[in-house]
């Protein structure tokens, strides 16, 4: 996606006049960590990348120990807290459905 955005002279997909394109729709549907892609694109446009990045750091961090986890960590990779982060709390069923084999 970064090459495509660069080729079109935009910083990120949400600024592209073709947004959302078929390539991005296919990309979003394929993996659990992309469930919120549309909302994230809107948030980057609204608040800027730095603010969005800080929000994502919090969104994917364990509430108990602060460890950064991924959408694939149903339990915190450091302390074992369930769910591993707010993202997993919000999307656990969809994550499991899309990926099948979870940690």
PDB file of N, CA and C in Angstrom:
ATOM      1  N   UNK A   1       0.812  -1.195   0.000  1.00  0.00           N
ATOM      2  CA  UNK A   1       0.000   0.000   0.000  1.00  0.00           C
ATOM      3  C   UNK A   1       0.859   1.265   0.000  1.00  0.00           C
ATOM      4  N   UNK A   2       2.024   1.206   0.655  1.00  0.00           N
ATOM      5  CA  UNK A   2       2.888   2.387   0.727  1.00  0.00           C
ATOM      6  C   UNK A   2       3.371   2.798  -0.665  1.00  0.00           C
ATOM      7  N   UNK A   3       3.747   1.824  -1.494  1.00  0.00           N
ATOM      8  CA  UNK A   3       4.208   2.136  -2.857  1.00  0.00           C
ATOM      9  C   UNK A   3       3.070   2.747  -3.666  1.00  0.00           C
ATOM     10  N   UNK A   4       1.900   2.192  -3.539  1.00  0.00           N
ATOM     11  CA  UNK A   4       0.744   2.713  -4.270  1.00  0.00           C
ATOM     12  C   UNK A   4       0.483   4.170  -3.862  1.00  0.00           C
ATOM     13  N   UNK A   5       0.468   4.428  -2.565  1.00  0.00           N
ATOM     14  CA  UNK A   5       0.241   5.795  -2.076  1.00  0.00           C
ATOM     15  C   UNK A   5       1.321   6.734  -2.604  1.00  0.00           C
ATOM     16  N   UNK A   6       2.572   6.302  -2.538  1.00  0.00           N
ATOM     17  CA  UNK A   6       3.677   7.131  -3.037  1.00  0.00           C
ATOM     18  C   UNK A   6       3.524   7.398  -4.536  1.00  0.00           C
ATOM     19  N   UNK A   7       3.158   6.377  -5.295  1.00  0.00           N
ATOM     20  CA  UNK A   7       2.971   6.531  -6.734  1.00  0.00           C
ATOM     21  C   UNK A   7       1.862   7.543  -7.053  1.00  0.00           C
ATOM     22  N   UNK A   8       0.889   7.626  -6.161  1.00  0.00           N
ATOM     23  CA  UNK A   8      -0.234   8.548  -6.373  1.00  0.00           C
ATOM     24  C   UNK A   8      -0.012   9.896  -5.694  1.00  0.00           C
ATOM     25  N   UNK A   9       1.118  10.033  -4.994  1.00  0.00           N
ATOM     26  CA  UNK A   9       1.460  11.310  -4.373  1.00  0.00           C
ATOM     27  C   UNK A   9       0.667  11.639  -3.123  1.00  0.00           C
ATOM     28  N   UNK A  10       0.244  10.602  -2.388  1.00  0.00           N
ATOM     29  CA  UNK A  10      -0.491  10.829  -1.137  1.00  0.00           C
ATOM     30  C   UNK A  10       0.271  10.198   0.024  1.00  0.00           C
ATOM     31  N   UNK A  11       0.035  10.715   1.231  1.00  0.00           N
ATOM     32  CA  UNK A  11       0.716  10.199   2.425  1.00  0.00           C
ATOM     33  C   UNK A  11       0.170   8.858   2.885  1.00  0.00           C
ATOM     34  N   UNK A  12      -1.118   8.640   2.722  1.00  0.00           N
ATOM     35  CA  UNK A  12      -1.757   7.392   3.138  1.00  0.00           C
ATOM     36  C   UNK A  12      -3.032   7.209   2.339  1.00  0.00           C
ATOM     37  N   UNK A  13      -3.552   6.011   2.353  1.00  0.00           N
ATOM     38  CA  UNK A  13      -4.686   5.645   1.497  1.00  0.00           C
ATOM     39  C   UNK A  13      -5.888   6.571   1.644  1.00  0.00           C
ATOM     40  N   UNK A  14      -6.167   6.995   2.854  1.00  0.00           N
ATOM     41  CA  UNK A  14      -7.339   7.834   3.100  1.00  0.00           C
ATOM     42  C   UNK A  14      -7.317   9.160   2.363  1.00  0.00           C
ATOM     43  N   UNK A  15      -6.168   9.581   1.883  1.00  0.00           N
ATOM     44  CA  UNK A  15      -6.058  10.834   1.128  1.00  0.00           C
ATOM     45  C   UNK A  15      -6.165  10.624  -0.388  1.00  0.00           C
ATOM     46  N   UNK A  16      -6.257   9.394  -0.816  1.00  0.00           N
ATOM     47  CA  UNK A  16      -6.318   9.080  -2.238  1.00  0.00           C
ATOM     48  C   UNK A  16      -7.726   9.336  -2.779  1.00  0.00           C
ATOM     49  N   UNK A  17      -7.829   9.926  -3.968  1.00  0.00           N
ATOM     50  CA  UNK A  17      -9.154  10.145  -4.553  1.00  0.00           C
ATOM     51  C   UNK A  17      -9.887   8.837  -4.895  1.00  0.00           C
ATOM     52  N   UNK A  18      -9.146   7.730  -5.000  1.00  0.00           N
ATOM     53  CA  UNK A  18      -9.753   6.433  -5.301  1.00  0.00           C
ATOM     54  C   UNK A  18     -10.121   5.644  -4.042  1.00  0.00           C
ATOM     55  N   UNK A  19      -9.870   6.214  -2.863  1.00  0.00           N
ATOM     56  CA  UNK A  19     -10.137   5.538  -1.582  1.00  0.00           C
ATOM     57  C   UNK A  19     -11.631   5.365  -1.403  1.00  0.00           C
ATOM     58  N   UNK A  20     -12.081   4.187  -0.979  1.00  0.00           N
ATOM     59  CA  UNK A  20     -11.352   2.930  -0.844  1.00  0.00           C
ATOM     60  C   UNK A  20     -11.397   2.144  -2.148  1.00  0.00           C
ATOM     61  N   UNK A  21     -10.265   1.719  -2.613  1.00  0.00           N
ATOM     62  CA  UNK A  21     -10.171   0.980  -3.878  1.00  0.00           C
ATOM     63  C   UNK A  21     -10.371  -0.525  -3.630  1.00  0.00           C
ATOM     64  N   UNK A  22     -10.517  -1.268  -4.693  1.00  0.00           N
ATOM     65  CA  UNK A  22     -10.705  -2.720  -4.575  1.00  0.00           C
ATOM     66  C   UNK A  22      -9.498  -3.400  -3.931  1.00  0.00           C
ATOM     67  N   UNK A  23      -8.279  -2.922  -4.258  1.00  0.00           N
ATOM     68  CA  UNK A  23      -7.073  -3.507  -3.645  1.00  0.00           C
ATOM     69  C   UNK A  23      -7.104  -3.336  -2.129  1.00  0.00           C
ATOM     70  N   UNK A  24      -7.509  -2.170  -1.664  1.00  0.00           N
ATOM     71  CA  UNK A  24      -7.571  -1.920  -0.226  1.00  0.00           C
ATOM     72  C   UNK A  24      -8.686  -2.723   0.435  1.00  0.00           C
ATOM     73  N   UNK A  25      -9.796  -2.890  -0.236  1.00  0.00           N
ATOM     74  CA  UNK A  25     -10.901  -3.718   0.303  1.00  0.00           C
ATOM     75  C   UNK A  25     -10.445  -5.169   0.480  1.00  0.00           C
ATOM     76  N   UNK A  26      -9.730  -5.686  -0.516  1.00  0.00           N
ATOM     77  CA  UNK A  26      -9.213  -7.053  -0.438  1.00  0.00           C
ATOM     78  C   UNK A  26      -8.202  -7.159   0.703  1.00  0.00           C
ATOM     79  N   UNK A  27      -7.307  -6.198   0.799  1.00  0.00           N
ATOM     80  CA  UNK A  27      -6.296  -6.143   1.853  1.00  0.00           C
ATOM     81  C   UNK A  27      -6.969  -6.126   3.234  1.00  0.00           C
ATOM     82  N   UNK A  28      -7.983  -5.319   3.424  1.00  0.00           N
ATOM     83  CA  UNK A  28      -8.663  -5.195   4.713  1.00  0.00           C
ATOM     84  C   UNK A  28      -9.343  -6.485   5.129  1.00  0.00           C
ATOM     85  N   UNK A  29      -9.956  -7.170   4.203  1.00  0.00           N
ATOM     86  CA  UNK A  29     -10.737  -8.363   4.518  1.00  0.00           C
ATOM     87  C   UNK A  29      -9.885  -9.582   4.858  1.00  0.00           C
ATOM     88  N   UNK A  30      -8.616  -9.551   4.497  1.00  0.00           N
ATOM     89  CA  UNK A  30      -7.785 -10.752   4.585  1.00  0.00           C
ATOM     90  C   UNK A  30      -7.294 -11.115   5.983  1.00  0.00           C
ATOM     91  N   UNK A  31      -7.055 -10.159   6.871  1.00  0.00           N
ATOM     92  CA  UNK A  31      -6.369 -10.455   8.131  1.00  0.00           C
ATOM     93  C   UNK A  31      -7.030  -9.764   9.327  1.00  0.00           C
ATOM     94  N   UNK A  32      -6.991 -10.416  10.492  1.00  0.00           N
ATOM     95  CA  UNK A  32      -7.616  -9.852  11.689  1.00  0.00           C
ATOM     96  C   UNK A  32      -7.072  -8.498  12.125  1.00  0.00           C
ATOM     97  N   UNK A  33      -5.794  -8.235  11.897  1.00  0.00           N
ATOM     98  CA  UNK A  33      -5.256  -6.962  12.360  1.00  0.00           C
ATOM     99  C   UNK A  33      -5.708  -5.787  11.488  1.00  0.00           C
ATOM    100  N   UNK A  34      -6.504  -6.058  10.485  1.00  0.00           N
ATOM    101  CA  UNK A  34      -6.992  -5.007   9.590  1.00  0.00           C
ATOM    102  C   UNK A  34      -8.476  -4.703   9.779  1.00  0.00           C
ATOM    103  N   UNK A  35      -9.104  -5.246  10.797  1.00  0.00           N
ATOM    104  CA  UNK A  35     -10.537  -5.076  11.021  1.00  0.00           C
ATOM    105  C   UNK A  35     -10.922  -3.591  11.076  1.00  0.00           C
ATOM    106  N   UNK A  36     -10.132  -2.782  11.735  1.00  0.00           N
ATOM    107  CA  UNK A  36     -10.460  -1.368  11.928  1.00  0.00           C
ATOM    108  C   UNK A  36      -9.826  -0.453  10.872  1.00  0.00           C
ATOM    109  N   UNK A  37      -9.373  -1.005   9.760  1.00  0.00           N
ATOM    110  CA  UNK A  37      -8.651  -0.228   8.758  1.00  0.00           C
ATOM    111  C   UNK A  37      -9.397   1.029   8.328  1.00  0.00           C
ATOM    112  N   UNK A  38     -10.686   0.914   8.063  1.00  0.00           N
ATOM    113  CA  UNK A  38     -11.449   2.076   7.574  1.00  0.00           C
ATOM    114  C   UNK A  38     -11.495   3.176   8.638  1.00  0.00           C
ATOM    115  N   UNK A  39     -11.748   2.783   9.868  1.00  0.00           N
ATOM    116  CA  UNK A  39     -11.800   3.758  10.966  1.00  0.00           C
ATOM    117  C   UNK A  39     -10.432   4.408  11.167  1.00  0.00           C
ATOM    118  N   UNK A  40      -9.385   3.603  11.060  1.00  0.00           N
ATOM    119  CA  UNK A  40      -8.025   4.133  11.235  1.00  0.00           C
ATOM    120  C   UNK A  40      -7.680   5.142  10.146  1.00  0.00           C
ATOM    121  N   UNK A  41      -8.042   4.860   8.922  1.00  0.00           N
ATOM    122  CA  UNK A  41      -7.775   5.807   7.837  1.00  0.00           C
ATOM    123  C   UNK A  41      -8.478   7.138   8.103  1.00  0.00           C
ATOM    124  N   UNK A  42      -9.726   7.066   8.547  1.00  0.00           N
ATOM    125  CA  UNK A  42     -10.466   8.287   8.873  1.00  0.00           C
ATOM    126  C   UNK A  42      -9.816   9.034  10.032  1.00  0.00           C
ATOM    127  N   UNK A  43      -9.354   8.287  11.030  1.00  0.00           N
ATOM    128  CA  UNK A  43      -8.736   8.920  12.201  1.00  0.00           C
ATOM    129  C   UNK A  43      -7.406   9.590  11.841  1.00  0.00           C
ATOM    130  N   UNK A  44      -6.601   8.966  11.001  1.00  0.00           N
ATOM    131  CA  UNK A  44      -5.354   9.584  10.558  1.00  0.00           C
ATOM    132  C   UNK A  44      -5.654  10.897   9.846  1.00  0.00           C
ATOM    133  N   UNK A  45      -6.641  10.871   8.979  1.00  0.00           N
ATOM    134  CA  UNK A  45      -7.012  12.081   8.242  1.00  0.00           C
ATOM    135  C   UNK A  45      -7.475  13.175   9.206  1.00  0.00           C
ATOM    136  N   UNK A  46      -8.244  12.795  10.207  1.00  0.00           N
ATOM    137  CA  UNK A  46      -8.814  13.747  11.170  1.00  0.00           C
ATOM    138  C   UNK A  46      -7.784  14.293  12.161  1.00  0.00           C
ATOM    139  N   UNK A  47      -6.983  13.398  12.748  1.00  0.00           N
ATOM    140  CA  UNK A  47      -6.122  13.792  13.866  1.00  0.00           C
ATOM    141  C   UNK A  47      -4.639  13.875  13.520  1.00  0.00           C
ATOM    142  N   UNK A  48      -4.239  13.283  12.403  1.00  0.00           N
ATOM    143  CA  UNK A  48      -2.834  13.232  12.046  1.00  0.00           C
ATOM    144  C   UNK A  48      -2.212  11.918  12.487  1.00  0.00           C
ATOM    145  N   UNK A  49      -1.132  11.565  11.797  1.00  0.00           N
ATOM    146  CA  UNK A  49      -0.477  10.286  12.037  1.00  0.00           C
ATOM    147  C   UNK A  49       0.048  10.147  13.465  1.00  0.00           C
ATOM    148  N   UNK A  50       0.688  11.187  13.994  1.00  0.00           N
ATOM    149  CA  UNK A  50       1.303  11.093  15.323  1.00  0.00           C
ATOM    150  C   UNK A  50       0.267  10.811  16.405  1.00  0.00           C
ATOM    151  N   UNK A  51      -0.864  11.502  16.342  1.00  0.00           N
ATOM    152  CA  UNK A  51      -1.943  11.284  17.320  1.00  0.00           C
ATOM    153  C   UNK A  51      -2.512   9.886  17.172  1.00  0.00           C
ATOM    154  N   UNK A  52      -2.771   9.486  15.928  1.00  0.00           N
ATOM    155  CA  UNK A  52      -3.301   8.152  15.677  1.00  0.00           C
ATOM    156  C   UNK A  52      -2.341   7.085  16.201  1.00  0.00           C
ATOM    157  N   UNK A  53      -1.047   7.256  15.950  1.00  0.00           N
ATOM    158  CA  UNK A  53      -0.057   6.281  16.399  1.00  0.00           C
ATOM    159  C   UNK A  53      -0.056   6.155  17.925  1.00  0.00           C
ATOM    160  N   UNK A  54      -0.134   7.263  18.627  1.00  0.00           N
ATOM    161  CA  UNK A  54      -0.197   7.228  20.095  1.00  0.00           C
ATOM    162  C   UNK A  54      -1.451   6.489  20.557  1.00  0.00           C
ATOM    163  N   UNK A  55      -2.553   6.721  19.884  1.00  0.00           N
ATOM    164  CA  UNK A  55      -3.803   6.029  20.221  1.00  0.00           C
ATOM    165  C   UNK A  55      -3.683   4.524  19.973  1.00  0.00           C
ATOM    166  N   UNK A  56      -3.026   4.138  18.885  1.00  0.00           N
ATOM    167  CA  UNK A  56      -2.856   2.716  18.574  1.00  0.00           C
ATOM    168  C   UNK A  56      -1.938   2.037  19.583  1.00  0.00           C
ATOM    169  N   UNK A  57      -0.923   2.748  20.032  1.00  0.00           N
ATOM    170  CA  UNK A  57      -0.042   2.198  21.060  1.00  0.00           C
ATOM    171  C   UNK A  57      -0.857   1.848  22.299  1.00  0.00           C
ATOM    172  N   UNK A  58      -1.748   2.724  22.689  1.00  0.00           N
ATOM    173  CA  UNK A  58      -2.613   2.451  23.843  1.00  0.00           C
ATOM    174  C   UNK A  58      -3.619   1.341  23.532  1.00  0.00           C
ATOM    175  N   UNK A  59      -4.185   1.364  22.350  1.00  0.00           N
ATOM    176  CA  UNK A  59      -5.215   0.411  21.907  1.00  0.00           C
ATOM    177  C   UNK A  59      -4.691  -1.031  21.902  1.00  0.00           C
ATOM    178  N   UNK A  60      -3.388  -1.212  21.636  1.00  0.00           N
ATOM    179  CA  UNK A  60      -2.795  -2.543  21.551  1.00  0.00           C
ATOM    180  C   UNK A  60      -1.945  -2.898  22.771  1.00  0.00           C
ATOM    181  N   UNK A  61      -1.978  -2.085  23.815  1.00  0.00           N
ATOM    182  CA  UNK A  61      -1.196  -2.357  25.023  1.00  0.00           C
ATOM    183  C   UNK A  61      -2.048  -3.029  26.093  1.00  0.00           C
ATOM    184  N   UNK A  62      -1.433  -3.927  26.827  1.00  0.00           N
ATOM    185  CA  UNK A  62      -2.099  -4.633  27.921  1.00  0.00           C
ATOM    186  C   UNK A  62      -2.485  -3.636  29.006  1.00  0.00           C
ATOM    187  N   UNK A  63      -3.719  -3.722  29.449  1.00  0.00           N
ATOM    188  CA  UNK A  63      -4.200  -2.839  30.516  1.00  0.00           C
ATOM    189  C   UNK A  63      -3.492  -3.115  31.834  1.00  0.00           C
ATOM    190  N   UNK A  64      -3.052  -4.341  32.025  1.00  0.00           N
ATOM    191  CA  UNK A  64      -2.432  -4.737  33.290  1.00  0.00           C
ATOM    192  C   UNK A  64      -0.950  -4.370  33.367  1.00  0.00           C
ATOM    193  N   UNK A  65      -0.167  -4.722  32.334  1.00  0.00           N
ATOM    194  CA  UNK A  65       1.286  -4.531  32.426  1.00  0.00           C
ATOM    195  C   UNK A  65       1.855  -3.542  31.414  1.00  0.00           C
ATOM    196  N   UNK A  66       1.046  -3.102  30.455  1.00  0.00           N
ATOM    197  CA  UNK A  66       1.489  -2.123  29.479  1.00  0.00           C
ATOM    198  C   UNK A  66       2.228  -2.680  28.278  1.00  0.00           C
ATOM    199  N   UNK A  67       2.396  -3.991  28.189  1.00  0.00           N
ATOM    200  CA  UNK A  67       3.092  -4.601  27.060  1.00  0.00           C
ATOM    201  C   UNK A  67       2.298  -4.415  25.775  1.00  0.00           C
ATOM    202  N   UNK A  68       2.997  -4.084  24.700  1.00  0.00           N
ATOM    203  CA  UNK A  68       2.370  -3.962  23.392  1.00  0.00           C
ATOM    204  C   UNK A  68       2.123  -5.368  22.847  1.00  0.00           C
ATOM    205  N   UNK A  69       0.889  -5.630  22.443  1.00  0.00           N
ATOM    206  CA  UNK A  69       0.497  -6.922  21.893  1.00  0.00           C
ATOM    207  C   UNK A  69      -0.008  -6.729  20.470  1.00  0.00           C
ATOM    208  N   UNK A  70      -0.222  -7.816  19.779  1.00  0.00           N
ATOM    209  CA  UNK A  70      -0.771  -7.741  18.428  1.00  0.00           C
ATOM    210  C   UNK A  70      -2.218  -8.227  18.440  1.00  0.00           C
ATOM    211  N   UNK A  71      -2.869  -8.078  17.310  1.00  0.00           N
ATOM    212  CA  UNK A  71      -4.243  -8.563  17.167  1.00  0.00           C
ATOM    213  C   UNK A  71      -4.314 -10.074  17.300  1.00  0.00           C
ATOM    214  N   UNK A  72      -3.181 -10.751  17.179  1.00  0.00           N
ATOM    215  CA  UNK A  72      -3.148 -12.202  17.242  1.00  0.00           C
ATOM    216  C   UNK A  72      -2.866 -12.726  18.639  1.00  0.00           C
ATOM    217  N   UNK A  73      -2.579 -11.841  19.574  1.00  0.00           N
ATOM    218  CA  UNK A  73      -2.326 -12.245  20.960  1.00  0.00           C
ATOM    219  C   UNK A  73      -3.619 -12.137  21.760  1.00  0.00           C
ATOM    220  N   UNK A  74      -4.317 -13.250  21.917  1.00  0.00           N
ATOM    221  CA  UNK A  74      -5.548 -13.215  22.702  1.00  0.00           C
ATOM    222  C   UNK A  74      -5.227 -12.988  24.170  1.00  0.00           C
ATOM    223  N   UNK A  75      -4.067 -13.492  24.615  1.00  0.00           N
ATOM    224  CA  UNK A  75      -3.555 -13.255  25.969  1.00  0.00           C
ATOM    225  C   UNK A  75      -2.313 -12.393  25.840  1.00  0.00           C
ATOM    226  N   UNK A  76      -2.059 -11.569  26.852  1.00  0.00           N
ATOM    227  CA  UNK A  76      -0.857 -10.740  26.837  1.00  0.00           C
ATOM    228  C   UNK A  76       0.375 -11.621  26.742  1.00  0.00           C
ATOM    229  N   UNK A  77       1.283 -11.249  25.864  1.00  0.00           N
ATOM    230  CA  UNK A  77       2.492 -12.045  25.659  1.00  0.00           C
ATOM    231  C   UNK A  77       3.448 -11.985  26.837  1.00  0.00           C
ATOM    232  N   UNK A  78       3.257 -11.024  27.754  1.00  0.00           N
ATOM    233  CA  UNK A  78       4.135 -10.921  28.915  1.00  0.00           C
ATOM    234  C   UNK A  78       3.485 -11.462  30.189  1.00  0.00           C
ATOM    235  N   UNK A  79       2.288 -10.968  30.520  1.00  0.00           N
ATOM    236  CA  UNK A  79       1.693 -11.332  31.811  1.00  0.00           C
ATOM    237  C   UNK A  79       0.541 -12.333  31.721  1.00  0.00           C
ATOM    238  N   UNK A  80       0.052 -12.620  30.505  1.00  0.00           N
ATOM    239  CA  UNK A  80      -1.026 -13.588  30.337  1.00  0.00           C
ATOM    240  C   UNK A  80      -2.430 -13.027  30.518  1.00  0.00           C
ATOM    241  N   UNK A  81      -2.544 -11.722  30.734  1.00  0.00           N
ATOM    242  CA  UNK A  81      -3.856 -11.083  30.900  1.00  0.00           C
ATOM    243  C   UNK A  81      -4.726 -11.348  29.670  1.00  0.00           C
ATOM    244  N   UNK A  82      -6.018 -11.613  29.932  1.00  0.00           N
ATOM    245  CA  UNK A  82      -6.982 -11.813  28.863  1.00  0.00           C
ATOM    246  C   UNK A  82      -8.105 -10.819  28.990  1.00  0.00           C
ATOM    247  N   UNK A  83      -8.414 -10.121  27.940  1.00  0.00           N
ATOM    248  CA  UNK A  83      -7.765 -10.098  26.647  1.00  0.00           C
ATOM    249  C   UNK A  83      -6.435  -9.347  26.723  1.00  0.00           C
ATOM    250  N   UNK A  84      -5.643  -9.487  25.684  1.00  0.00           N
ATOM    251  CA  UNK A  84      -4.301  -8.894  25.673  1.00  0.00           C
ATOM    252  C   UNK A  84      -4.324  -7.374  25.576  1.00  0.00           C
ATOM    253  N   UNK A  85      -5.405  -6.826  25.005  1.00  0.00           N
ATOM    254  CA  UNK A  85      -5.495  -5.382  24.786  1.00  0.00           C
ATOM    255  C   UNK A  85      -6.931  -5.025  24.431  1.00  0.00           C
ATOM    256  N   UNK A  86      -7.192  -3.747  24.307  1.00  0.00           N
ATOM    257  CA  UNK A  86      -8.535  -3.269  23.969  1.00  0.00           C
ATOM    258  C   UNK A  86      -8.973  -3.767  22.587  1.00  0.00           C
ATOM    259  N   UNK A  87      -8.068  -3.787  21.640  1.00  0.00           N
ATOM    260  CA  UNK A  87      -8.400  -4.258  20.293  1.00  0.00           C
ATOM    261  C   UNK A  87      -8.944  -5.679  20.343  1.00  0.00           C
ATOM    262  N   UNK A  88      -8.269  -6.561  21.054  1.00  0.00           N
ATOM    263  CA  UNK A  88      -8.715  -7.953  21.158  1.00  0.00           C
ATOM    264  C   UNK A  88     -10.039  -8.029  21.910  1.00  0.00           C
ATOM    265  N   UNK A  89     -10.201  -7.209  22.951  1.00  0.00           N
ATOM    266  CA  UNK A  89     -11.477  -7.201  23.674  1.00  0.00           C
ATOM    267  C   UNK A  89     -12.622  -6.857  22.724  1.00  0.00           C
ATOM    268  N   UNK A  90     -12.406  -5.904  21.859  1.00  0.00           N
ATOM    269  CA  UNK A  90     -13.454  -5.450  20.947  1.00  0.00           C
ATOM    270  C   UNK A  90     -13.732  -6.438  19.808  1.00  0.00           C
ATOM    271  N   UNK A  91     -12.702  -7.177  19.369  1.00  0.00           N
ATOM    272  CA  UNK A  91     -12.822  -7.951  18.135  1.00  0.00           C
ATOM    273  C   UNK A  91     -12.488  -9.435  18.266  1.00  0.00           C
ATOM    274  N   UNK A  92     -12.461  -9.966  19.455  1.00  0.00           N
ATOM    275  CA  UNK A  92     -11.996 -11.337  19.665  1.00  0.00           C
ATOM    276  C   UNK A  92     -12.688 -12.354  18.756  1.00  0.00           C
ATOM    277  N   UNK A  93     -13.989 -12.324  18.688  1.00  0.00           N
ATOM    278  CA  UNK A  93     -14.713 -13.311  17.869  1.00  0.00           C
ATOM    279  C   UNK A  93     -14.340 -13.206  16.396  1.00  0.00           C
ATOM    280  N   UNK A  94     -14.240 -11.982  15.892  1.00  0.00           N
ATOM    281  CA  UNK A  94     -13.877 -11.779  14.487  1.00  0.00           C
ATOM    282  C   UNK A  94     -12.431 -12.194  14.234  1.00  0.00           C
ATOM    283  N   UNK A  95     -11.545 -11.919  15.170  1.00  0.00           N
ATOM    284  CA  UNK A  95     -10.141 -12.326  15.038  1.00  0.00           C
ATOM    285  C   UNK A  95     -10.047 -13.841  14.922  1.00  0.00           C
ATOM    286  N   UNK A  96     -10.738 -14.533  15.801  1.00  0.00           N
ATOM    287  CA  UNK A  96     -10.720 -16.001  15.780  1.00  0.00           C
ATOM    288  C   UNK A  96     -11.310 -16.517  14.468  1.00  0.00           C
ATOM    289  N   UNK A  97     -12.412 -15.938  14.048  1.00  0.00           N
ATOM    290  CA  UNK A  97     -13.060 -16.365  12.813  1.00  0.00           C
ATOM    291  C   UNK A  97     -12.148 -16.163  11.600  1.00  0.00           C
ATOM    292  N   UNK A  98     -11.456 -15.036  11.539  1.00  0.00           N
ATOM    293  CA  UNK A  98     -10.612 -14.736  10.375  1.00  0.00           C
ATOM    294  C   UNK A  98      -9.301 -15.514  10.377  1.00  0.00           C
ATOM    295  N   UNK A  99      -8.789 -15.848  11.543  1.00  0.00           N
ATOM    296  CA  UNK A  99      -7.455 -16.461  11.565  1.00  0.00           C
ATOM    297  C   UNK A  99      -7.444 -17.926  11.937  1.00  0.00           C
ATOM    298  N   UNK A 100      -8.450 -18.397  12.591  1.00  0.00           N
ATOM    299  CA  UNK A 100      -8.514 -19.813  12.943  1.00  0.00           C
ATOM    300  C   UNK A 100      -7.517 -20.249  13.997  1.00  0.00           C
ATOM    301  N   UNK A 101      -6.254 -20.215  13.731  1.00  0.00           N
ATOM    302  CA  UNK A 101      -5.207 -20.739  14.616  1.00  0.00           C
ATOM    303  C   UNK A 101      -4.637 -19.620  15.491  1.00  0.00           C
ATOM    304  N   UNK A 102      -5.043 -19.548  16.744  1.00  0.00           N
ATOM    305  CA  UNK A 102      -4.638 -18.445  17.619  1.00  0.00           C
ATOM    306  C   UNK A 102      -3.691 -18.911  18.712  1.00  0.00           C
ATOM    307  N   UNK A 103      -2.878 -17.974  19.213  1.00  0.00           N
ATOM    308  CA  UNK A 103      -1.972 -18.239  20.335  1.00  0.00           C
ATOM    309  C   UNK A 103      -2.751 -18.359  21.614  1.00  0.00           C
TER     310      UNK A 103
END
